[in-house]
């Protein structure tokens, strides 16, 4: 399974949606994911890919990790996975 598909699975699970309901252009807000759901998603992503996500839950706007859309999360995780290998 590639990074994109796994992240969409994680986000769909957090949003209690079908994978088919999640598109790359969605924001987490579109999908009804609140700040707690976001933190849980980040933990799930870290665990799934064995990476450390540079995300500050107390101040998301200060994070280097772009959570503006599903596509940006996928790109950020792909970069982290690549940097680690």
Protein backbone atom coordinates (compact mmCIF):
# COMPACT_ATOMS: atom_id res chain seq x y z
CA UNK A 1 0.00 0.00 0.00
CA UNK A 2 1.38 3.40 -0.90
CA UNK A 3 1.61 6.47 1.35
CA UNK A 4 -1.39 8.20 -0.23
CA UNK A 5 -3.74 5.23 0.16
CA UNK A 6 -2.68 4.60 3.77
CA UNK A 7 -3.14 8.25 4.76
CA UNK A 8 -6.57 8.38 3.14
CA UNK A 9 -7.46 5.23 5.12
CA UNK A 10 -6.30 6.82 8.37
CA UNK A 11 -8.16 10.07 7.69
CA UNK A 12 -11.34 8.24 6.63
CA UNK A 13 -11.19 6.21 9.83
CA UNK A 14 -10.85 9.37 11.95
CA UNK A 15 -13.70 11.06 10.09
CA UNK A 16 -15.86 7.90 10.24
CA UNK A 17 -16.21 7.99 6.46
CA UNK A 18 -15.67 5.56 3.62
CA UNK A 19 -12.28 5.81 1.89
CA UNK A 20 -14.18 6.76 -1.28
CA UNK A 21 -15.59 9.83 0.53
CA UNK A 22 -12.12 11.31 1.07
CA UNK A 23 -10.55 13.25 -1.80
CA UNK A 24 -7.11 14.80 -2.08
CA UNK A 25 -8.63 18.29 -2.21
CA UNK A 26 -10.57 17.89 1.06
CA UNK A 27 -9.48 19.81 4.12
CA UNK A 28 -9.73 18.06 7.48
CA UNK A 29 -12.43 20.58 8.35
CA UNK A 30 -14.43 19.50 5.25
CA UNK A 31 -14.30 15.96 6.60
CA UNK A 32 -15.42 16.96 10.09
CA UNK A 33 -12.10 16.21 11.78
CA UNK A 34 -11.62 18.37 14.86
CA UNK A 35 -8.40 19.13 16.72
CA UNK A 36 -8.57 15.88 18.71
CA UNK A 37 -9.17 13.90 15.52
CA UNK A 38 -6.23 15.69 13.95
CA UNK A 39 -3.92 14.71 16.81
CA UNK A 40 -5.15 11.11 16.63
CA UNK A 41 -4.57 11.15 12.85
CA UNK A 42 -1.01 12.42 13.34
CA UNK A 43 -0.30 9.66 15.89
CA UNK A 44 -1.73 7.05 13.50
CA UNK A 45 0.39 8.40 10.64
CA UNK A 46 3.53 8.36 12.81
CA UNK A 47 2.83 4.77 13.81
CA UNK A 48 1.94 3.60 10.28
CA UNK A 49 5.10 5.01 8.72
CA UNK A 50 7.46 4.91 11.71
CA UNK A 51 8.19 8.62 11.37
CA UNK A 52 8.20 11.66 13.63
CA UNK A 53 5.79 14.32 12.38
CA UNK A 54 6.93 17.88 13.16
CA UNK A 55 3.55 19.00 14.41
CA UNK A 56 2.71 21.24 17.34
CA UNK A 57 -0.84 20.42 18.46
CA UNK A 58 -0.90 23.50 20.69
CA UNK A 59 -0.13 25.79 17.76
CA UNK A 60 -0.80 24.06 14.41
CA UNK A 61 -0.06 27.24 12.45
CA UNK A 62 3.51 27.17 13.78
CA UNK A 63 4.10 23.61 12.56
CA UNK A 64 6.25 22.82 9.56
CA UNK A 65 3.75 20.07 8.77
CA UNK A 66 1.17 21.33 6.26
CA UNK A 67 -2.31 20.13 7.20
CA UNK A 68 -4.21 22.42 4.85
CA UNK A 69 -5.55 19.53 2.75
CA UNK A 70 -5.37 15.77 2.35
CA UNK A 71 -2.96 16.31 -0.57
CA UNK A 72 -0.63 18.46 1.54
CA UNK A 73 -0.58 15.86 4.31
CA UNK A 74 0.27 13.13 1.78
CA UNK A 75 3.09 15.27 0.33
CA UNK A 76 4.49 16.07 3.77
CA UNK A 77 4.44 12.43 4.86
CA UNK A 78 6.02 11.28 1.58
CA UNK A 79 8.84 13.77 2.19
CA UNK A 80 9.32 12.55 5.78
CA UNK A 81 9.35 8.91 4.69
CA UNK A 82 11.84 9.67 1.93
CA UNK A 83 14.08 11.67 4.28
CA UNK A 84 14.14 8.77 6.72
CA UNK A 85 15.18 6.11 4.21
